[in-house]
C-alpha cells in the first residue's frame, strides 16, 4: 500500500469549504478530489487534509495524503488527477511518503495570507480574492500591531465562539504586513490556527488602521481572552492557505 502526499491549490469561491459534508449535496474540495482520485485509481479513495478551509477560502499549498495500491508512477499522478478535476482545483505535486505520514498530524507550520483591497473602489478582478476597505488605513500602526501577535499565547479571544477546541494555545512564528498598490497583505505563520483566528486577527488590525484601536491594544486583547473584545471576523474571500511545512 502506497502513502501518497499531494500538494494542491484551489479557488474556494464555488465550494462549501475543504471538508466533505456528509448527508448533504454541498460541493466541497475534498469531494471533488476524492472523486478524481477514485476515477484514476479505480479504488475508493479517502484523503486526509492538513486542515479545513471554510467556504470561500482559497489555498495555494493545501496538503493531503491518501493510501492506494495504484501503479501510476508518482511523477504522473498530478497530470492524471488534474485531467479529471474541475479547473478551479489543481494538484501541483505528488510525493511518496512513509506509511506513518499524516497530512494533518505531521504538520509543523502553516502559513496563511489575508489580502485587503484598500482603495475607494474595488477592482472587479479582486472581488473574490480580497476584502474591500474603501477608507485610508494607517499601515505603520497595523504593522506594529501585527508584531504583537508573535509568540506563544492563549488565543481564546481570537477564536470563533462555540468551537469544540479545548486547547487555545498556539505559537505564531511571524506576522507581517506588506502593501503593493491598493493591495495590503497579511502573512502569518504558526504551528496551528484556531477557527477564524486569522480573519479575527486581520479584523483587529483593520480597526487599528482605522484608529479605532492602538497597536499595543493587541497585548491587552490576548491577555483578556475574550472574543467579545477582539476585532470583527472579516469575510472569507481574502484568506488563503499558502503552505504547510513538515519535518522530513
C-alpha atoms as a PDB file:
ATOM      1  CA  UNK A   1       0.000   0.000   0.000  1.00  0.00           C
ATOM      2  CA  UNK A   2       1.408   3.378  -1.008  1.00  0.00           C
ATOM      3  CA  UNK A   3       1.052   6.526   1.106  1.00  0.00           C
ATOM      4  CA  UNK A   4       0.858   9.426  -1.335  1.00  0.00           C
ATOM      5  CA  UNK A   5       1.090  13.093  -0.445  1.00  0.00           C
ATOM      6  CA  UNK A   6      -0.429  15.730  -2.726  1.00  0.00           C
ATOM      7  CA  UNK A   7       0.128  19.481  -2.690  1.00  0.00           C
ATOM      8  CA  UNK A   8      -2.729  21.350  -4.321  1.00  0.00           C
ATOM      9  CA  UNK A   9      -4.214  24.775  -4.947  1.00  0.00           C
ATOM     10  CA  UNK A  10      -7.831  25.783  -5.301  1.00  0.00           C
ATOM     11  CA  UNK A  11     -10.163  28.703  -5.746  1.00  0.00           C
ATOM     12  CA  UNK A  12     -12.654  28.218  -2.926  1.00  0.00           C
ATOM     13  CA  UNK A  13     -15.287  30.600  -4.317  1.00  0.00           C
ATOM     14  CA  UNK A  14     -17.716  27.932  -5.503  1.00  0.00           C
ATOM     15  CA  UNK A  15     -17.182  25.443  -2.673  1.00  0.00           C
ATOM     16  CA  UNK A  16     -18.548  24.952   0.825  1.00  0.00           C
ATOM     17  CA  UNK A  17     -15.082  24.578   2.277  1.00  0.00           C
ATOM     18  CA  UNK A  18     -12.482  21.827   2.061  1.00  0.00           C
ATOM     19  CA  UNK A  19     -14.056  19.129   4.220  1.00  0.00           C
ATOM     20  CA  UNK A  20     -16.827  16.992   2.781  1.00  0.00           C
ATOM     21  CA  UNK A  21     -20.279  17.498   4.263  1.00  0.00           C
ATOM     22  CA  UNK A  22     -21.809  14.092   4.841  1.00  0.00           C
ATOM     23  CA  UNK A  23     -25.510  13.609   4.050  1.00  0.00           C
ATOM     24  CA  UNK A  24     -25.692  16.876   2.106  1.00  0.00           C
ATOM     25  CA  UNK A  25     -25.386  17.866  -1.544  1.00  0.00           C
ATOM     26  CA  UNK A  26     -22.985  20.721  -0.760  1.00  0.00           C
ATOM     27  CA  UNK A  27     -19.927  20.738  -3.027  1.00  0.00           C
ATOM     28  CA  UNK A  28     -16.542  20.636  -1.279  1.00  0.00           C
ATOM     29  CA  UNK A  29     -12.894  20.424  -2.307  1.00  0.00           C
ATOM     30  CA  UNK A  30     -12.497  17.034  -0.607  1.00  0.00           C
ATOM     31  CA  UNK A  31     -15.462  15.610  -2.518  1.00  0.00           C
ATOM     32  CA  UNK A  32     -14.046  16.689  -5.879  1.00  0.00           C
ATOM     33  CA  UNK A  33     -10.553  15.468  -5.064  1.00  0.00           C
ATOM     34  CA  UNK A  34     -11.719  12.064  -3.837  1.00  0.00           C
ATOM     35  CA  UNK A  35     -13.922  11.602  -6.905  1.00  0.00           C
ATOM     36  CA  UNK A  36     -10.997  12.405  -9.202  1.00  0.00           C
ATOM     37  CA  UNK A  37      -8.617  10.068  -7.356  1.00  0.00           C
ATOM     38  CA  UNK A  38     -11.209   7.288  -7.331  1.00  0.00           C
ATOM     39  CA  UNK A  39     -11.597   7.708 -11.089  1.00  0.00           C
ATOM     40  CA  UNK A  40      -7.889   7.415 -11.904  1.00  0.00           C
ATOM     41  CA  UNK A  41      -7.127   4.595  -9.428  1.00  0.00           C
ATOM     42  CA  UNK A  42     -10.366   2.582  -9.583  1.00  0.00           C
ATOM     43  CA  UNK A  43     -10.267   2.479  -5.781  1.00  0.00           C
ATOM     44  CA  UNK A  44     -12.444   4.073  -3.107  1.00  0.00           C
ATOM     45  CA  UNK A  45     -10.052   6.854  -2.097  1.00  0.00           C
ATOM     46  CA  UNK A  46     -10.358   8.880   1.112  1.00  0.00           C
ATOM     47  CA  UNK A  47      -7.951  11.792   1.666  1.00  0.00           C
ATOM     48  CA  UNK A  48      -6.620  13.267   4.901  1.00  0.00           C
ATOM     49  CA  UNK A  49      -6.307  17.050   4.703  1.00  0.00           C
ATOM     50  CA  UNK A  50      -3.757  19.134   6.585  1.00  0.00           C
ATOM     51  CA  UNK A  51      -6.674  21.211   7.825  1.00  0.00           C
ATOM     52  CA  UNK A  52     -10.068  22.613   6.916  1.00  0.00           C
ATOM     53  CA  UNK A  53     -10.668  25.777   4.974  1.00  0.00           C
ATOM     54  CA  UNK A  54     -14.078  27.422   5.145  1.00  0.00           C
ATOM     55  CA  UNK A  55     -16.466  28.224   2.312  1.00  0.00           C
ATOM     56  CA  UNK A  56     -14.954  30.853   0.041  1.00  0.00           C
ATOM     57  CA  UNK A  57     -11.410  30.414   1.397  1.00  0.00           C
ATOM     58  CA  UNK A  58      -8.622  29.648  -1.083  1.00  0.00           C
ATOM     59  CA  UNK A  59      -5.404  27.632  -0.981  1.00  0.00           C
ATOM     60  CA  UNK A  60      -2.078  27.845  -2.751  1.00  0.00           C
ATOM     61  CA  UNK A  61      -0.450  24.985  -0.853  1.00  0.00           C
ATOM     62  CA  UNK A  62      -3.003  22.696   0.790  1.00  0.00           C
ATOM     63  CA  UNK A  63      -1.620  19.232   1.580  1.00  0.00           C
ATOM     64  CA  UNK A  64      -3.417  15.892   1.684  1.00  0.00           C
ATOM     65  CA  UNK A  65      -2.391  12.257   1.833  1.00  0.00           C
ATOM     66  CA  UNK A  66      -4.135   9.048   0.822  1.00  0.00           C
ATOM     67  CA  UNK A  67      -3.408   5.308   0.622  1.00  0.00           C
ATOM     68  CA  UNK A  68      -3.573   3.434  -2.660  1.00  0.00           C
ATOM     69  CA  UNK A  69      -2.308   0.357  -4.488  1.00  0.00           C
ATOM     70  CA  UNK A  70      -2.208   2.242  -7.794  1.00  0.00           C
ATOM     71  CA  UNK A  71       0.737   1.531 -10.104  1.00  0.00           C
ATOM     72  CA  UNK A  72       0.706   5.035 -11.598  1.00  0.00           C
ATOM     73  CA  UNK A  73       4.259   6.460 -11.348  1.00  0.00           C
ATOM     74  CA  UNK A  74       4.424   9.204  -8.727  1.00  0.00           C
ATOM     75  CA  UNK A  75       5.520  11.867 -11.226  1.00  0.00           C
ATOM     76  CA  UNK A  76       2.467  11.186 -13.407  1.00  0.00           C
ATOM     77  CA  UNK A  77      -0.154  11.421 -10.686  1.00  0.00           C
ATOM     78  CA  UNK A  78      -0.585  15.236 -10.807  1.00  0.00           C
ATOM     79  CA  UNK A  79      -1.306  15.255 -14.545  1.00  0.00           C
ATOM     80  CA  UNK A  80      -3.609  12.241 -14.237  1.00  0.00           C
ATOM     81  CA  UNK A  81      -5.718  13.684 -11.428  1.00  0.00           C
ATOM     82  CA  UNK A  82      -5.766  17.181 -12.960  1.00  0.00           C
ATOM     83  CA  UNK A  83      -7.237  15.705 -16.134  1.00  0.00           C
ATOM     84  CA  UNK A  84     -10.443  14.849 -14.247  1.00  0.00           C
ATOM     85  CA  UNK A  85     -10.522  17.658 -11.666  1.00  0.00           C
ATOM     86  CA  UNK A  86     -12.556  20.834 -12.244  1.00  0.00           C
ATOM     87  CA  UNK A  87     -10.377  23.757 -13.421  1.00  0.00           C
ATOM     88  CA  UNK A  88     -10.545  25.580 -10.083  1.00  0.00           C
ATOM     89  CA  UNK A  89      -8.603  22.771  -8.334  1.00  0.00           C
ATOM     90  CA  UNK A  90      -5.036  21.879  -9.359  1.00  0.00           C
ATOM     91  CA  UNK A  91      -2.582  19.345  -7.941  1.00  0.00           C
ATOM     92  CA  UNK A  92       0.950  20.777  -8.018  1.00  0.00           C
ATOM     93  CA  UNK A  93       2.965  17.836  -6.748  1.00  0.00           C
ATOM     94  CA  UNK A  94       2.775  14.200  -5.656  1.00  0.00           C
ATOM     95  CA  UNK A  95       5.265  12.528  -3.317  1.00  0.00           C
ATOM     96  CA  UNK A  96       5.670   9.002  -1.946  1.00  0.00           C
ATOM     97  CA  UNK A  97       5.715   9.068   1.860  1.00  0.00           C
ATOM     98  CA  UNK A  98       6.475   6.671   4.691  1.00  0.00           C
ATOM     99  CA  UNK A  99       3.448   4.707   5.973  1.00  0.00           C
ATOM    100  CA  UNK A 100       3.091   6.805   9.150  1.00  0.00           C
ATOM    101  CA  UNK A 101       2.883  10.193   7.387  1.00  0.00           C
ATOM    102  CA  UNK A 102      -0.397  12.026   8.018  1.00  0.00           C
ATOM    103  CA  UNK A 103      -1.063  15.391   6.367  1.00  0.00           C
ATOM    104  CA  UNK A 104      -2.707  16.832   9.463  1.00  0.00           C
ATOM    105  CA  UNK A 105      -0.905  15.268  12.408  1.00  0.00           C
ATOM    106  CA  UNK A 106       2.599  15.609  10.944  1.00  0.00           C
ATOM    107  CA  UNK A 107       2.223  19.312  10.076  1.00  0.00           C
ATOM    108  CA  UNK A 108       4.659  21.582  11.950  1.00  0.00           C
ATOM    109  CA  UNK A 109       3.909  25.015  10.494  1.00  0.00           C
ATOM    110  CA  UNK A 110       1.175  26.611   8.419  1.00  0.00           C
ATOM    111  CA  UNK A 111       1.270  29.917   6.618  1.00  0.00           C
ATOM    112  CA  UNK A 112      -1.853  31.885   5.757  1.00  0.00           C
ATOM    113  CA  UNK A 113      -2.300  35.189   3.979  1.00  0.00           C
ATOM    114  CA  UNK A 114      -5.164  37.648   4.127  1.00  0.00           C
ATOM    115  CA  UNK A 115      -5.498  40.262   1.387  1.00  0.00           C
ATOM    116  CA  UNK A 116      -7.264  43.602   1.584  1.00  0.00           C
ATOM    117  CA  UNK A 117      -8.041  45.841  -1.381  1.00  0.00           C
ATOM    118  CA  UNK A 118      -7.550  49.318   0.070  1.00  0.00           C
ATOM    119  CA  UNK A 119      -8.911  51.840  -2.407  1.00  0.00           C
ATOM    120  CA  UNK A 120     -12.090  53.834  -2.865  1.00  0.00           C
ATOM    121  CA  UNK A 121     -13.494  51.380  -5.418  1.00  0.00           C
ATOM    122  CA  UNK A 122     -12.971  47.622  -5.524  1.00  0.00           C
ATOM    123  CA  UNK A 123     -11.475  46.169  -8.691  1.00  0.00           C
ATOM    124  CA  UNK A 124     -13.850  43.533 -10.106  1.00  0.00           C
ATOM    125  CA  UNK A 125     -10.843  41.254 -10.583  1.00  0.00           C
ATOM    126  CA  UNK A 126     -10.273  41.105  -6.810  1.00  0.00           C
ATOM    127  CA  UNK A 127     -13.860  40.757  -5.584  1.00  0.00           C
ATOM    128  CA  UNK A 128     -13.433  37.024  -4.824  1.00  0.00           C
ATOM    129  CA  UNK A 129      -9.864  37.269  -3.508  1.00  0.00           C
ATOM    130  CA  UNK A 130      -9.693  40.324  -1.249  1.00  0.00           C
ATOM    131  CA  UNK A 131     -11.746  42.208   1.325  1.00  0.00           C
ATOM    132  CA  UNK A 132     -12.548  45.770   0.305  1.00  0.00           C
ATOM    133  CA  UNK A 133     -11.649  48.588   2.699  1.00  0.00           C
ATOM    134  CA  UNK A 134     -12.515  51.900   0.959  1.00  0.00           C
ATOM    135  CA  UNK A 135     -11.085  54.265   3.611  1.00  0.00           C
ATOM    136  CA  UNK A 136      -7.422  55.161   4.288  1.00  0.00           C
ATOM    137  CA  UNK A 137      -5.559  52.934   6.749  1.00  0.00           C
ATOM    138  CA  UNK A 138      -2.581  53.734   8.962  1.00  0.00           C
ATOM    139  CA  UNK A 139      -0.314  50.963   7.712  1.00  0.00           C
ATOM    140  CA  UNK A 140       2.543  51.730  10.101  1.00  0.00           C
ATOM    141  CA  UNK A 141       0.252  51.204  13.101  1.00  0.00           C
ATOM    142  CA  UNK A 142      -1.082  47.986  11.620  1.00  0.00           C
ATOM    143  CA  UNK A 143       2.478  46.683  11.159  1.00  0.00           C
ATOM    144  CA  UNK A 144       3.258  47.409  14.820  1.00  0.00           C
ATOM    145  CA  UNK A 145       0.033  45.718  15.872  1.00  0.00           C
ATOM    146  CA  UNK A 146       0.848  42.612  13.800  1.00  0.00           C
ATOM    147  CA  UNK A 147       4.226  42.247  15.525  1.00  0.00           C
ATOM    148  CA  UNK A 148       2.452  41.887  18.876  1.00  0.00           C
ATOM    149  CA  UNK A 149       0.860  38.607  17.784  1.00  0.00           C
ATOM    150  CA  UNK A 150       4.245  36.852  17.542  1.00  0.00           C
ATOM    151  CA  UNK A 151       4.838  34.415  20.394  1.00  0.00           C
ATOM    152  CA  UNK A 152       3.130  31.572  22.249  1.00  0.00           C
ATOM    153  CA  UNK A 153      -0.181  32.639  23.752  1.00  0.00           C
ATOM    154  CA  UNK A 154      -3.681  31.518  24.631  1.00  0.00           C
ATOM    155  CA  UNK A 155      -5.635  32.933  21.648  1.00  0.00           C
ATOM    156  CA  UNK A 156      -9.093  32.257  23.097  1.00  0.00           C
ATOM    157  CA  UNK A 157     -10.073  35.851  22.304  1.00  0.00           C
ATOM    158  CA  UNK A 158      -9.260  35.309  18.618  1.00  0.00           C
ATOM    159  CA  UNK A 159     -11.341  32.177  18.071  1.00  0.00           C
ATOM    160  CA  UNK A 160     -14.943  31.862  16.926  1.00  0.00           C
ATOM    161  CA  UNK A 161     -17.444  31.035  19.639  1.00  0.00           C
ATOM    162  CA  UNK A 162     -18.859  27.537  20.122  1.00  0.00           C
ATOM    163  CA  UNK A 163     -15.756  25.797  18.818  1.00  0.00           C
ATOM    164  CA  UNK A 164     -15.090  22.255  20.050  1.00  0.00           C
ATOM    165  CA  UNK A 165     -11.415  23.054  20.725  1.00  0.00           C
ATOM    166  CA  UNK A 166     -10.314  22.967  24.358  1.00  0.00           C
ATOM    167  CA  UNK A 167      -6.650  23.991  23.924  1.00  0.00           C
ATOM    168  CA  UNK A 168      -6.373  27.578  22.683  1.00  0.00           C
ATOM    169  CA  UNK A 169      -2.581  27.908  22.955  1.00  0.00           C
ATOM    170  CA  UNK A 170      -0.828  28.475  19.655  1.00  0.00           C
ATOM    171  CA  UNK A 171       2.626  29.706  18.613  1.00  0.00           C
ATOM    172  CA  UNK A 172       2.882  32.435  15.990  1.00  0.00           C
ATOM    173  CA  UNK A 173       6.364  32.487  14.427  1.00  0.00           C
ATOM    174  CA  UNK A 174       5.888  35.532  12.198  1.00  0.00           C
ATOM    175  CA  UNK A 175       3.151  38.035  11.423  1.00  0.00           C
ATOM    176  CA  UNK A 176       3.740  40.850   8.946  1.00  0.00           C
ATOM    177  CA  UNK A 177       2.055  43.196   6.500  1.00  0.00           C
ATOM    178  CA  UNK A 178       3.116  44.316   3.037  1.00  0.00           C
ATOM    179  CA  UNK A 179       1.473  46.886   0.767  1.00  0.00           C
ATOM    180  CA  UNK A 180       1.738  46.978  -3.010  1.00  0.00           C
ATOM    181  CA  UNK A 181      -0.509  49.472  -4.721  1.00  0.00           C
ATOM    182  CA  UNK A 182      -4.047  49.030  -3.383  1.00  0.00           C
ATOM    183  CA  UNK A 183      -3.268  45.543  -2.040  1.00  0.00           C
ATOM    184  CA  UNK A 184      -2.457  45.084   1.645  1.00  0.00           C
ATOM    185  CA  UNK A 185      -1.392  41.541   2.516  1.00  0.00           C
ATOM    186  CA  UNK A 186      -1.018  39.934   5.924  1.00  0.00           C
ATOM    187  CA  UNK A 187       1.234  36.867   6.039  1.00  0.00           C
ATOM    188  CA  UNK A 188       1.180  34.846   9.243  1.00  0.00           C
ATOM    189  CA  UNK A 189       2.965  31.595  10.139  1.00  0.00           C
ATOM    190  CA  UNK A 190       2.143  29.450  13.162  1.00  0.00           C
ATOM    191  CA  UNK A 191       2.167  25.912  14.472  1.00  0.00           C
ATOM    192  CA  UNK A 192      -1.603  25.895  14.065  1.00  0.00           C
ATOM    193  CA  UNK A 193      -4.613  28.197  13.949  1.00  0.00           C
ATOM    194  CA  UNK A 194      -7.959  28.308  15.711  1.00  0.00           C
ATOM    195  CA  UNK A 195     -11.281  28.589  13.889  1.00  0.00           C
ATOM    196  CA  UNK A 196     -11.496  32.034  12.224  1.00  0.00           C
ATOM    197  CA  UNK A 197      -8.298  33.102  14.005  1.00  0.00           C
ATOM    198  CA  UNK A 198      -6.601  34.761  11.031  1.00  0.00           C
ATOM    199  CA  UNK A 199      -9.796  36.529   9.978  1.00  0.00           C
ATOM    200  CA  UNK A 200     -10.247  37.920  13.502  1.00  0.00           C
ATOM    201  CA  UNK A 201      -6.593  38.979  13.698  1.00  0.00           C
ATOM    202  CA  UNK A 202      -6.918  40.868  10.424  1.00  0.00           C
ATOM    203  CA  UNK A 203     -10.218  42.374  11.555  1.00  0.00           C
ATOM    204  CA  UNK A 204      -8.453  43.670  14.659  1.00  0.00           C
ATOM    205  CA  UNK A 205      -5.592  45.085  12.583  1.00  0.00           C
ATOM    206  CA  UNK A 206      -8.034  46.903  10.299  1.00  0.00           C
ATOM    207  CA  UNK A 207      -9.571  48.552  13.350  1.00  0.00           C
ATOM    208  CA  UNK A 208      -6.053  49.636  14.364  1.00  0.00           C
ATOM    209  CA  UNK A 209      -5.542  51.007  10.859  1.00  0.00           C
ATOM    210  CA  UNK A 210      -8.769  53.000  11.190  1.00  0.00           C
ATOM    211  CA  UNK A 211      -7.527  54.465  14.515  1.00  0.00           C
ATOM    212  CA  UNK A 212     -10.256  52.694  16.468  1.00  0.00           C
ATOM    213  CA  UNK A 213      -7.555  50.826  18.421  1.00  0.00           C
ATOM    214  CA  UNK A 214      -3.850  51.199  19.127  1.00  0.00           C
ATOM    215  CA  UNK A 215      -1.093  48.659  18.306  1.00  0.00           C
ATOM    216  CA  UNK A 216      -0.467  47.978  21.999  1.00  0.00           C
ATOM    217  CA  UNK A 217      -4.122  47.000  22.435  1.00  0.00           C
ATOM    218  CA  UNK A 218      -3.252  43.635  20.881  1.00  0.00           C
ATOM    219  CA  UNK A 219      -1.384  42.648  24.046  1.00  0.00           C
ATOM    220  CA  UNK A 220      -4.398  43.586  26.182  1.00  0.00           C
ATOM    221  CA  UNK A 221      -6.756  41.598  23.955  1.00  0.00           C
ATOM    222  CA  UNK A 222      -4.573  38.489  24.101  1.00  0.00           C
ATOM    223  CA  UNK A 223      -4.421  38.674  27.902  1.00  0.00           C
ATOM    224  CA  UNK A 224      -8.193  39.238  28.136  1.00  0.00           C
ATOM    225  CA  UNK A 225      -9.005  36.004  26.230  1.00  0.00           C
ATOM    226  CA  UNK A 226     -12.466  37.419  25.496  1.00  0.00           C
ATOM    227  CA  UNK A 227     -13.833  37.086  21.951  1.00  0.00           C
ATOM    228  CA  UNK A 228     -16.270  39.959  22.528  1.00  0.00           C
ATOM    229  CA  UNK A 229     -13.391  42.419  22.938  1.00  0.00           C
ATOM    230  CA  UNK A 230     -11.393  41.499  19.792  1.00  0.00           C
ATOM    231  CA  UNK A 231     -11.981  42.760  16.263  1.00  0.00           C
ATOM    232  CA  UNK A 232     -14.614  41.660  13.787  1.00  0.00           C
ATOM    233  CA  UNK A 233     -14.314  38.463  11.761  1.00  0.00           C
ATOM    234  CA  UNK A 234     -13.522  39.516   8.198  1.00  0.00           C
ATOM    235  CA  UNK A 235     -15.154  37.701   5.236  1.00  0.00           C
ATOM    236  CA  UNK A 236     -13.564  34.504   3.869  1.00  0.00           C
ATOM    237  CA  UNK A 237     -12.557  35.571   0.352  1.00  0.00           C
ATOM    238  CA  UNK A 238      -9.387  37.387   1.450  1.00  0.00           C
ATOM    239  CA  UNK A 239      -7.986  34.298   3.182  1.00  0.00           C
ATOM    240  CA  UNK A 240      -5.594  31.830   1.537  1.00  0.00           C
ATOM    241  CA  UNK A 241      -3.689  28.840   2.906  1.00  0.00           C
ATOM    242  CA  UNK A 242      -0.238  29.453   1.444  1.00  0.00           C
ATOM    243  CA  UNK A 243       1.777  26.479   2.644  1.00  0.00           C
ATOM    244  CA  UNK A 244       2.124  23.635   5.138  1.00  0.00           C
ATOM    245  CA  UNK A 245       5.539  22.584   6.418  1.00  0.00           C
ATOM    246  CA  UNK A 246       6.741  19.197   7.704  1.00  0.00           C
ATOM    247  CA  UNK A 247       9.907  17.807   9.302  1.00  0.00           C
ATOM    248  CA  UNK A 248      11.147  15.218   6.829  1.00  0.00           C
END
